[in-house]
Protein backbone atom coordinates (compact mmCIF):
# COMPACT_ATOMS: atom_id res chain seq x y z
CA MET A 1 22.55 20.54 7.59
CA SER A 2 19.26 18.68 7.52
CA LEU A 3 16.24 20.48 6.06
CA ALA A 4 13.78 17.70 6.89
CA GLY A 5 10.25 19.04 7.32
CA GLN A 6 11.00 22.38 5.64
CA HIS A 7 8.83 23.51 2.69
CA ILE A 8 10.80 25.74 0.29
CA ILE A 9 9.51 27.60 -2.77
CA LEU A 10 12.20 27.94 -5.45
CA GLY A 11 11.61 30.63 -8.07
CA VAL A 12 13.32 30.21 -11.46
CA THR A 13 13.50 33.02 -14.02
CA GLY A 14 14.69 33.23 -17.61
CA SER A 15 18.46 33.38 -17.43
CA ILE A 16 21.45 31.09 -17.74
CA ALA A 17 21.24 30.63 -13.94
CA ALA A 18 18.18 28.43 -14.51
CA TYR A 19 20.56 25.54 -15.13
CA LYS A 20 22.12 26.01 -11.70
CA ALA A 21 18.66 25.99 -10.15
CA VAL A 22 18.46 22.29 -11.01
CA LEU A 23 21.62 21.62 -8.97
CA LEU A 24 20.25 23.69 -6.10
CA LEU A 25 16.99 21.77 -6.20
CA ARG A 26 18.83 18.44 -6.00
CA GLU A 27 20.84 19.65 -3.01
CA LEU A 28 17.73 20.90 -1.18
CA THR A 29 15.80 17.66 -1.68
CA ALA A 30 18.85 15.59 -0.74
CA ARG A 31 18.81 17.36 2.60
CA GLY A 32 15.16 16.45 3.12
CA ALA A 33 13.38 19.65 2.13
CA VAL A 34 10.01 19.62 0.37
CA VAL A 35 10.51 21.96 -2.59
CA THR A 36 7.95 23.58 -4.89
CA VAL A 37 9.32 25.14 -8.09
CA VAL A 38 7.67 28.17 -9.67
CA MET A 39 8.95 28.98 -13.19
CA SER A 40 8.54 32.09 -15.28
CA GLY A 41 7.57 31.69 -18.91
CA ASN A 42 11.07 32.62 -20.07
CA ALA A 43 12.67 30.08 -17.72
CA GLU A 44 11.10 27.29 -19.78
CA HIS A 45 13.35 28.32 -22.70
CA PHE A 46 16.38 27.27 -20.63
CA VAL A 47 15.16 24.21 -18.65
CA ALA A 48 12.20 21.96 -19.48
CA PRO A 49 9.49 22.03 -16.76
CA LEU A 50 9.60 18.21 -16.65
CA THR A 51 13.14 18.39 -15.22
CA PHE A 52 11.88 20.27 -12.17
CA ARG A 53 8.65 18.29 -11.96
CA THR A 54 10.48 14.98 -11.43
CA LEU A 55 12.58 16.44 -8.61
CA SER A 56 10.15 18.68 -6.72
CA VAL A 57 6.59 18.74 -5.44
CA PRO A 58 4.08 19.91 -8.02
CA PRO A 59 2.74 23.44 -7.76
CA ASP A 60 -0.01 23.67 -5.22
CA ALA A 61 -2.60 24.49 -7.88
CA MET A 62 -3.88 22.41 -10.77
CA HIS A 63 -6.79 22.27 -13.17
CA VAL A 64 -8.97 19.21 -12.47
CA THR A 65 -11.29 17.45 -14.91
CA CYS A 66 -14.10 15.16 -13.72
CA GLU A 67 -16.00 12.79 -16.01
CA TRP A 68 -18.78 10.34 -15.18
CA GLN A 69 -21.49 8.07 -16.48
CA GLY A 70 -25.20 8.29 -15.73
CA ASN A 71 -27.70 11.15 -15.55
CA ASP A 72 -27.07 13.95 -13.05
CA HIS A 73 -29.79 16.11 -14.66
CA ASN A 74 -27.17 18.85 -15.16
CA SER A 75 -26.93 19.25 -11.39
CA MET A 76 -23.23 18.42 -10.87
CA GLU A 77 -21.55 21.07 -8.73
CA VAL A 78 -18.19 21.33 -6.97
CA GLY A 79 -17.37 23.01 -3.67
CA GLY A 80 -14.88 22.97 -0.82
CA ASP A 81 -12.00 25.10 0.46
CA GLY A 82 -9.65 23.65 -2.15
CA VAL A 83 -11.74 24.87 -5.10
CA THR A 84 -10.61 28.31 -6.20
CA SER A 85 -12.09 29.36 -9.55
CA ASN A 86 -12.65 28.59 -13.21
CA ILE A 87 -15.51 26.14 -12.65
CA VAL A 88 -16.80 25.00 -16.04
CA ARG A 89 -19.63 22.51 -16.64
CA LYS A 90 -19.82 21.39 -20.26
CA ARG A 91 -23.46 21.16 -21.22
CA GLY A 92 -24.52 18.09 -23.10
CA ILE A 93 -21.67 15.91 -21.84
CA ASN A 94 -20.76 14.59 -18.39
CA GLU A 95 -17.70 16.72 -17.72
CA LEU A 96 -16.87 19.34 -15.09
CA SER A 97 -13.57 21.15 -14.59
CA PHE A 98 -12.23 23.49 -11.93
CA ASP A 99 -9.06 24.95 -10.41
CA TYR A 100 -7.87 23.28 -7.21
CA ARG A 101 -5.31 24.54 -4.72
CA SER A 102 -3.74 22.65 -1.81
CA THR A 103 -1.51 23.85 1.00
CA TYR A 104 0.29 20.50 1.45
CA PRO A 105 2.34 19.80 3.51
CA GLY A 106 0.85 22.57 5.64
CA GLY A 107 -2.60 21.01 5.42
CA ALA A 108 -5.01 19.43 2.96
CA LYS A 109 -7.78 21.26 1.14
CA ALA A 110 -11.04 19.57 0.19
CA ALA A 111 -13.03 19.45 -3.02
CA PHE A 112 -16.38 17.70 -3.09
CA LEU A 113 -19.02 17.03 -5.72
CA SER A 114 -22.79 17.20 -5.25
CA PHE A 115 -25.46 16.06 -7.70
CA THR A 116 -29.00 14.79 -8.11
CA VAL A 117 -29.44 11.03 -7.88
CA ASP A 118 -31.50 9.37 -10.61
CA PRO A 119 -32.29 5.81 -9.46
CA SER A 120 -32.91 4.68 -13.03
CA ASN A 121 -29.54 5.98 -14.30
CA TYR A 122 -27.44 6.98 -11.31
CA VAL A 123 -24.08 8.76 -11.46
CA ARG A 124 -21.23 6.23 -11.57
CA GLY A 125 -17.74 5.73 -12.96
CA LEU A 126 -16.67 9.10 -11.56
CA ASN A 127 -13.15 9.95 -12.75
CA CYS A 128 -11.43 13.12 -11.50
CA ARG A 129 -7.81 13.82 -12.44
CA ASP A 130 -5.26 16.47 -13.30
CA ALA A 131 -6.56 17.82 -16.62
CA SER A 132 -3.06 17.59 -18.11
CA ARG A 133 -3.01 13.80 -17.65
CA HIS A 134 -4.69 11.26 -19.90
CA ASP A 135 -7.29 8.86 -18.52
CA ALA A 136 -5.71 5.66 -17.18
CA GLY A 137 -8.69 3.38 -17.58
CA GLY A 138 -10.54 4.72 -14.56
CA PHE A 139 -7.44 4.84 -12.35
CA ASP A 140 -5.66 8.02 -11.31
CA PRO A 141 -2.66 8.30 -13.68
CA THR A 142 -0.40 9.38 -10.82
CA LEU A 143 -1.35 6.26 -8.85
CA VAL A 144 -0.59 4.05 -11.84
CA ASP A 145 2.79 5.77 -12.24
CA ALA A 146 3.57 5.31 -8.54
CA LEU A 147 2.81 1.58 -8.76
CA ARG A 148 4.88 0.85 -11.86
CA GLY A 149 7.73 -1.56 -11.20
CA PHE A 150 6.12 -3.34 -8.27
CA GLY A 151 5.90 -7.09 -8.74
CA VAL A 152 3.14 -7.89 -6.22
CA ILE A 153 0.23 -5.77 -4.96
CA ARG A 154 -1.35 -6.75 -1.66
CA PHE A 155 -4.89 -5.37 -1.76
CA MET A 156 -5.80 -5.79 1.91
CA LYS A 157 -6.70 -2.13 2.50
CA TRP A 158 -8.92 -2.20 -0.57
CA GLN A 159 -10.85 -5.08 1.05
CA PRO A 160 -12.28 -3.37 4.19
CA ALA A 161 -14.48 -6.33 5.12
CA VAL A 162 -11.24 -8.02 6.20
CA GLU A 163 -10.29 -5.63 9.02
CA ALA A 164 -13.92 -4.79 9.84
CA ASN A 165 -14.63 -8.56 9.96
CA ARG A 166 -17.94 -8.09 8.13
CA PRO A 167 -19.99 -10.95 6.63
CA VAL A 168 -20.03 -10.83 2.83
CA THR A 169 -21.82 -12.77 0.14
CA TRP A 170 -21.44 -12.81 -3.64
CA ALA A 171 -24.99 -11.48 -4.07
CA THR A 172 -24.35 -8.43 -1.84
CA ARG A 173 -20.75 -7.73 -2.84
CA ASN A 174 -19.71 -4.44 -4.43
CA LYS A 175 -19.69 -4.42 -8.22
CA PRO A 176 -18.03 -2.18 -10.81
CA GLY A 177 -20.13 0.95 -11.22
CA ASP A 178 -21.55 0.92 -7.69
CA GLY A 179 -21.80 4.34 -6.08
CA SER A 180 -19.46 3.51 -3.19
CA TYR A 181 -16.86 0.88 -2.35
CA PHE A 182 -16.59 1.74 1.35
CA LEU A 183 -19.15 -0.81 2.57
CA ASN A 184 -19.67 -4.53 1.95
CA ASP A 185 -16.46 -6.20 0.76
CA GLY A 186 -14.73 -3.10 -0.65
CA VAL A 187 -13.25 -2.58 -4.09
CA PRO A 188 -14.69 -5.14 -6.56
CA VAL A 189 -12.45 -8.03 -7.51
CA GLU A 190 -12.86 -6.97 -11.15
CA THR A 191 -11.22 -3.62 -10.40
CA MET A 192 -8.33 -5.12 -8.45
CA VAL A 193 -7.62 -7.66 -11.19
CA THR A 194 -7.79 -4.93 -13.85
CA LEU A 195 -5.19 -2.84 -12.01
CA ALA A 196 -2.87 -5.81 -11.48
CA ASN A 197 -3.12 -6.75 -15.15
CA ARG A 198 -2.52 -3.16 -16.26
CA LEU A 199 0.68 -3.07 -14.21
CA GLY A 200 1.81 -6.60 -15.03
CA ALA A 201 1.85 -7.31 -11.28
CA GLU A 202 0.86 -10.35 -9.23
CA PRO A 203 -2.16 -9.72 -6.96
CA TRP A 204 -2.34 -10.68 -3.28
CA PHE A 205 -5.90 -11.05 -1.97
CA THR A 206 -7.05 -11.32 1.65
CA ILE A 207 -10.33 -13.23 2.04
CA PRO A 208 -12.72 -11.98 4.77
CA TRP A 209 -13.14 -14.42 7.64
CA ASN A 210 -16.93 -14.15 7.39
CA ALA A 211 -17.19 -14.61 3.62
CA ASP A 212 -19.39 -17.60 2.85
CA ASP A 213 -18.11 -20.50 0.74
CA ASP A 214 -20.01 -19.34 -2.34
CA TYR A 215 -18.26 -15.95 -2.18
CA VAL A 216 -14.85 -17.58 -1.76
CA SER A 217 -15.45 -19.96 -4.67
CA ARG A 218 -16.79 -17.32 -7.08
CA PHE A 219 -14.03 -14.87 -6.13
CA ALA A 220 -11.42 -17.54 -6.82
CA ALA A 221 -13.03 -18.46 -10.14
CA TYR A 222 -13.01 -14.86 -11.34
CA VAL A 223 -9.35 -14.52 -10.39
CA ARG A 224 -8.49 -17.80 -12.13
CA ASP A 225 -10.17 -16.73 -15.37
CA ASN A 226 -9.03 -13.11 -15.50
CA VAL A 227 -5.57 -12.62 -14.00
CA GLY A 228 -3.06 -12.41 -16.84
CA PRO A 229 -1.14 -15.53 -17.90
CA GLY A 230 2.21 -16.28 -16.34
CA ARG A 231 1.43 -14.53 -13.05
CA GLN A 232 1.01 -16.10 -9.66
CA ILE A 233 -1.84 -15.21 -7.30
CA TYR A 234 -1.25 -14.80 -3.56
CA VAL A 235 -4.22 -15.59 -1.31
CA GLU A 236 -4.49 -15.30 2.48
CA THR A 237 -7.30 -15.80 5.00
CA SER A 238 -8.13 -12.48 6.70
CA ASN A 239 -5.29 -10.32 8.05
CA GLU A 240 -3.25 -10.59 11.25
CA VAL A 241 -5.49 -13.04 13.03
CA TRP A 242 -2.68 -13.18 15.60
CA ASN A 243 -3.32 -9.50 16.49
CA GLY A 244 -5.72 -8.92 19.39
CA GLY A 245 -6.35 -5.41 18.11
CA TYR A 246 -8.53 -6.84 15.34
CA PRO A 247 -12.01 -8.31 15.94
CA VAL A 248 -11.15 -11.40 13.88
CA MET A 249 -8.79 -12.67 16.58
CA HIS A 250 -11.58 -12.57 19.17
CA GLN A 251 -13.97 -14.36 16.82
CA ALA A 252 -11.33 -17.01 16.11
CA GLN A 253 -10.83 -17.46 19.85
CA ALA A 254 -14.55 -17.81 20.52
CA GLU A 255 -14.85 -20.38 17.73
CA GLY A 256 -11.80 -22.27 18.98
CA VAL A 257 -13.19 -22.40 22.52
CA ALA A 258 -16.62 -23.52 21.26
CA GLU A 259 -14.97 -26.23 19.20
CA GLY A 260 -12.98 -27.43 22.20
CA LEU A 261 -9.59 -27.01 20.53
CA ASP A 262 -6.38 -27.64 22.48
CA ALA A 263 -6.44 -25.26 25.48
CA SER A 264 -2.95 -26.04 26.76
CA ASN A 265 -1.77 -22.62 25.54
CA GLY A 266 -4.86 -20.77 26.69
CA GLY A 267 -7.52 -18.96 24.70
CA TYR A 268 -4.95 -17.35 22.43
CA GLY A 269 -3.72 -20.77 21.43
CA GLN A 270 -7.26 -21.85 20.64
CA ALA A 271 -7.58 -18.76 18.40
CA MET A 272 -4.41 -19.70 16.52
CA TYR A 273 -5.49 -23.31 16.02
CA ARG A 274 -8.88 -22.11 14.77
CA TYR A 275 -7.03 -19.80 12.33
CA ALA A 276 -5.07 -22.80 11.07
CA GLU A 277 -8.33 -24.70 10.51
CA LYS A 278 -10.00 -21.77 8.78
CA THR A 279 -7.01 -21.36 6.49
CA GLN A 280 -7.19 -25.05 5.58
CA HIS A 281 -10.86 -24.66 4.67
CA VAL A 282 -10.42 -21.52 2.56
CA MET A 283 -7.38 -22.93 0.76
CA GLN A 284 -9.22 -26.18 -0.01
CA ILE A 285 -11.80 -24.10 -1.89
CA TRP A 286 -9.12 -22.19 -3.82
CA SER A 287 -7.26 -25.41 -4.60
CA LYS A 288 -10.42 -27.01 -5.98
CA VAL A 289 -11.16 -23.95 -8.15
CA PHE A 290 -7.56 -23.98 -9.44
CA GLU A 291 -7.47 -27.75 -9.95
CA GLY A 292 -4.83 -28.49 -12.58
CA GLN A 293 -3.44 -24.93 -12.18
CA GLY A 294 -2.16 -25.15 -8.63
CA ASN A 295 1.23 -23.77 -9.60
CA ARG A 296 -0.45 -20.39 -10.13
CA LEU A 297 -1.35 -20.11 -6.44
CA VAL A 298 0.70 -18.97 -3.46
CA ARG A 299 -1.46 -19.93 -0.48
CA VAL A 300 -0.31 -17.87 2.51
CA ILE A 301 -0.62 -18.29 6.27
CA SER A 302 0.66 -15.50 8.52
CA ALA A 303 2.08 -15.09 12.00
CA GLN A 304 3.71 -12.44 14.20
CA ASN A 305 7.36 -11.84 13.28
CA VAL A 306 8.63 -11.98 16.89
CA SER A 307 6.74 -15.22 17.70
CA PRO A 308 8.38 -18.18 15.92
CA PHE A 309 6.76 -20.37 18.59
CA TRP A 310 3.32 -19.72 17.12
CA SER A 311 4.48 -20.05 13.53
CA GLU A 312 5.60 -23.57 14.41
CA LYS A 313 2.34 -24.34 16.19
CA ILE A 314 0.17 -23.05 13.34
CA LEU A 315 2.04 -24.88 10.58
CA GLY A 316 2.10 -28.05 12.68
CA HIS A 317 -1.61 -28.04 13.45
CA GLY A 318 -3.50 -30.79 11.66
CA ARG A 319 -2.94 -30.73 7.89
CA THR A 320 -2.31 -26.99 7.68
CA ALA A 321 1.06 -27.47 5.99
CA ASP A 322 -0.62 -29.47 3.21
CA TYR A 323 -2.74 -26.48 2.19
CA VAL A 324 -0.29 -23.58 2.30
CA ASP A 325 2.72 -22.67 0.19
CA ALA A 326 4.22 -19.85 2.23
CA LEU A 327 4.59 -18.59 5.79
CA ALA A 328 4.44 -14.79 6.04
CA THR A 329 5.25 -12.32 8.83
CA ALA A 330 5.65 -8.53 9.06
CA PRO A 331 9.33 -7.77 9.87
CA TYR A 332 8.85 -4.15 10.92
CA TRP A 333 11.60 -2.15 12.62
CA SER A 334 9.97 0.02 15.22
CA PHE A 335 10.33 3.19 17.26
CA MET A 336 7.30 3.82 19.44
CA ASP A 337 6.19 5.76 22.48
CA ALA A 338 7.72 3.22 24.85
CA ASP A 339 11.09 3.64 23.11
CA TYR A 340 11.16 7.43 23.21
CA SER A 341 12.79 9.10 26.21
CA GLY A 342 13.92 12.38 24.69
CA GLN A 343 16.49 11.05 22.22
CA SER A 344 17.76 13.43 19.56
CA LEU A 345 16.98 12.94 15.88
CA ASP A 346 20.59 11.87 15.31
CA GLN A 347 20.38 9.24 18.03
CA ILE A 348 17.17 7.85 16.53
CA MET A 349 18.42 7.79 12.94
CA ASP A 350 22.01 6.68 13.59
CA LYS A 351 21.64 4.24 16.50
CA MET A 352 18.14 3.16 17.46
CA LEU A 353 16.58 2.46 14.07
CA PRO A 354 19.64 0.60 12.67
CA ALA A 355 19.58 -1.66 15.74
CA GLN A 356 15.89 -2.34 15.19
CA ILE A 357 16.58 -3.35 11.57
CA GLY A 358 19.07 -5.94 12.78
CA ASP A 359 16.60 -7.34 15.30
CA ALA A 360 13.77 -7.54 12.74
CA LEU A 361 15.94 -9.44 10.26
CA ASP A 362 17.19 -11.80 12.97
CA TRP A 363 13.59 -12.71 13.83
CA ALA A 364 12.86 -13.11 10.12
CA ALA A 365 15.75 -15.56 9.77
CA GLN A 366 14.20 -17.68 12.53
CA GLN A 367 10.87 -17.62 10.70
CA LYS A 368 12.57 -18.68 7.48
CA ALA A 369 14.07 -21.68 9.27
CA ILE A 370 10.60 -22.77 10.44
CA ALA A 371 9.18 -22.39 6.94
CA ARG A 372 12.04 -24.48 5.53
CA LYS A 373 11.30 -27.22 8.07
CA TYR A 374 7.90 -27.57 6.41
CA ASN A 375 9.30 -27.05 2.90
CA LYS A 376 7.51 -23.71 2.55
CA ARG A 377 8.55 -20.30 1.31
CA TYR A 378 9.02 -17.53 3.84
CA ILE A 379 7.81 -14.07 2.73
CA ALA A 380 6.72 -10.76 4.28
CA TYR A 381 3.10 -9.65 4.09
CA GLU A 382 4.08 -6.20 5.41
CA GLY A 383 7.33 -4.56 6.42
CA GLY A 384 9.45 -1.42 6.66
CA GLN A 385 9.75 1.19 9.40
CA HIS A 386 7.15 1.35 12.16
CA VAL A 387 7.68 4.78 13.73
CA TRP A 388 4.60 5.59 15.79
CA LEU A 389 4.60 8.37 18.40
CA ASN A 390 1.13 9.30 19.58
CA LYS A 391 2.41 12.33 21.47
CA ASN A 392 4.98 13.70 19.02
CA ALA A 393 3.74 13.93 15.43
CA PRO A 394 6.31 16.66 14.55
CA LEU A 395 9.16 14.29 15.40
CA VAL A 396 7.54 11.57 13.28
CA ALA A 397 7.56 13.93 10.29
CA ARG A 398 11.23 14.79 10.84
CA ILE A 399 12.15 11.11 11.03
CA GLU A 400 10.14 10.15 7.94
CA ARG A 401 11.56 12.98 5.81
CA ASP A 402 15.16 12.74 7.01
CA PRO A 403 17.51 11.85 4.09
CA ARG A 404 19.03 9.11 6.28
CA MET A 405 15.74 7.22 5.99
CA ALA A 406 16.84 6.29 2.46
CA ASP A 407 20.04 4.76 3.87
CA LEU A 408 18.04 2.83 6.45
CA TYR A 409 15.75 1.40 3.78
CA ARG A 410 18.75 0.44 1.63
CA SER A 411 20.24 -1.39 4.60
CA TYR A 412 16.94 -3.11 5.35
CA ILE A 413 16.24 -4.18 1.78
CA ASP A 414 19.80 -5.38 1.19
CA GLY A 415 19.73 -7.27 4.50
CA TRP A 416 16.45 -8.95 3.57
CA SER A 417 17.79 -9.80 0.13
CA SER A 418 20.91 -11.46 1.52
CA LYS A 419 19.37 -13.20 4.56
CA ILE A 420 15.93 -14.12 3.22
CA GLY A 421 15.87 -13.67 -0.56
CA ASP A 422 12.12 -13.83 -1.19
CA THR A 423 9.12 -11.49 -1.45
CA LEU A 424 9.26 -8.45 0.84
CA THR A 425 6.03 -6.45 0.98
CA LEU A 426 6.44 -2.87 2.20
CA PHE A 427 3.53 -1.12 3.88
CA ALA A 428 2.34 1.13 2.40
CA LEU A 429 2.51 2.92 -0.93
CA THR A 430 1.07 6.27 0.19
CA GLY A 431 0.46 8.03 3.49
CA PRO A 432 1.49 11.40 4.95
CA PRO A 433 3.20 11.47 8.34
CA GLY A 434 1.05 12.03 11.39
CA ASN A 435 1.37 10.02 14.60
CA ALA A 436 2.82 7.42 12.23
CA GLY A 437 4.08 7.63 8.67
CA PHE A 438 3.93 4.38 6.75
CA GLY A 439 3.88 5.69 3.17
CA LEU A 440 6.77 5.13 0.81
CA VAL A 441 5.51 8.42 -0.61
CA GLU A 442 3.33 10.96 1.14
CA TYR A 443 1.01 11.17 -1.86
CA ALA A 444 0.85 9.59 -5.29
CA GLY A 445 2.99 11.67 -7.60
CA GLN A 446 5.38 12.92 -4.91
CA PRO A 447 8.76 13.61 -6.54
CA ILE A 448 11.42 11.03 -5.78
CA GLY A 449 13.71 13.73 -4.44
CA ALA A 450 11.30 14.40 -1.57
CA ALA A 451 10.62 10.71 -0.77
CA PRO A 452 13.68 9.05 0.84
CA LYS A 453 12.00 5.66 1.30
CA MET A 454 10.90 5.46 -2.31
CA ARG A 455 14.36 6.57 -3.46
CA ALA A 456 15.83 3.53 -1.76
CA VAL A 457 13.19 1.23 -3.23
CA ARG A 458 13.64 2.53 -6.77
CA GLY A 459 17.40 2.27 -6.36
CA PHE A 460 17.07 -1.40 -5.47
CA LEU A 461 14.95 -1.99 -8.55
CA ARG A 462 17.48 -0.31 -10.80
CA ARG A 463 20.33 -2.36 -9.34
CA SER A 464 18.55 -5.70 -9.29
CA GLY A 465 16.16 -5.54 -12.22
CA SER A 466 13.59 -7.33 -10.03
CA GLY A 467 9.91 -6.65 -9.64
CA LEU A 468 8.50 -4.94 -6.60
CA ASP A 469 5.54 -5.96 -4.48
CA VAL A 470 3.20 -3.27 -3.23
CA GLY A 471 0.62 -2.71 -0.48
CA ARG A 472 -0.96 0.65 -0.57
CA LYS A 473 -3.42 1.74 2.04
CA GLY A 474 -5.02 -0.47 -0.24
CA VAL A 475 -1.84 -1.85 -1.67
CA ASN A 476 1.10 -3.32 0.25
CA ASP A 477 4.46 -2.52 -1.27
CA GLY A 478 6.90 -5.37 -1.62
CA LEU A 479 10.23 -6.21 -3.14
CA ARG A 480 10.89 -9.48 -4.91
CA ASP A 481 14.46 -10.68 -4.92
CA PRO A 482 15.55 -11.55 -8.48
CA ARG A 483 17.36 -14.68 -7.31
CA ARG A 484 14.23 -16.36 -6.02
CA GLY A 485 13.12 -19.31 -8.09
CA ARG A 486 9.49 -19.52 -9.15
């Protein structure tokens, strides 16, 4: 019997039965339940709390410590419906602690900080974490743990100027210590490089369409000088320029029309040819910066997975193929509003999604053949399930949490490994189910027993010994087949 979507609280007391509670917990999570374990003090004499922690969701309450730099004039306060009690501000040092309680998965609770701004020494470097965890160099320790083992991190969602299509310059970019990373170009390149180095991962950067040449050159130079030795760097111009849902496609089309590019395939074709030209220009800058170190770069151009026609046109336009090393698509397997006509959960999990996996991999094989024609690698810039039902969020949650999702991901990853055998980037690392549910885990730190997609991913890593490539909502998750040559 499936327990997908059910939240169960398992109480464990101090008796020999505590050992059997571990077996019960495994069975409940295997059936898709989200389980929180509450232990008595005596129970810890029989089973270590860590055993339950790795298999279940953490208790819904924790003690949080916040540290920061700068002068808040002793004004730092915390509020919100998630803050319960035990608020302590340590005088003389920049540290505040408090108890926090969430009702996840029934709903999120907020905690927010307020403070006085001193322009001469403003609050910065704010670091809030579970008080029981050590500082991870400014990164949430649970995020660092969730990312371990991934071989590539695609930082597109940490670079919001890409999807917003904003102009950026090096002078106005965000820098470490700035009060916010939401505007301008997003998370500073220094921070992204630091995280990749900490994890021993290869970074994948997406360069905003409207970044000027100085920004592109300085960004590339910082990456060249600071990414750890022996690691390749993936670089791509913008994101999904083929996708009319993004403003960059419309800008590319306007520029292609103004330039008088080949109109035989309409305005969309002119947009794609302009994308090819823009990619050539950006990659020329990166190639110049990496002169003599070109083997460190993987210069990427992307296309829609179900449109091999346009992959061929883009790679064949001008000298595009001379300035890229890899063709990338997003081989998603989908179930969307147009596909839903009242099917049962069993029909979706056992018939419809497996068929979609086969179709996605068949399209990917066609894309690989085109890449080979141009002597390029074929990789995935995003991938995984694409369940999106605007009118049925409860069904999305049941699908995402169903134990069979792990089997589907195993089939998908194994199919990619055998048919393609190169980098597969899974979108995304974290994200709770709503109208869609892209996260491999619903939140950083979610126990593996409650995360069927991540169970499949970690299982692949254990079997293959390969690295994994990630793309959170800010990092794309991706698998790297161990048989691929460098």
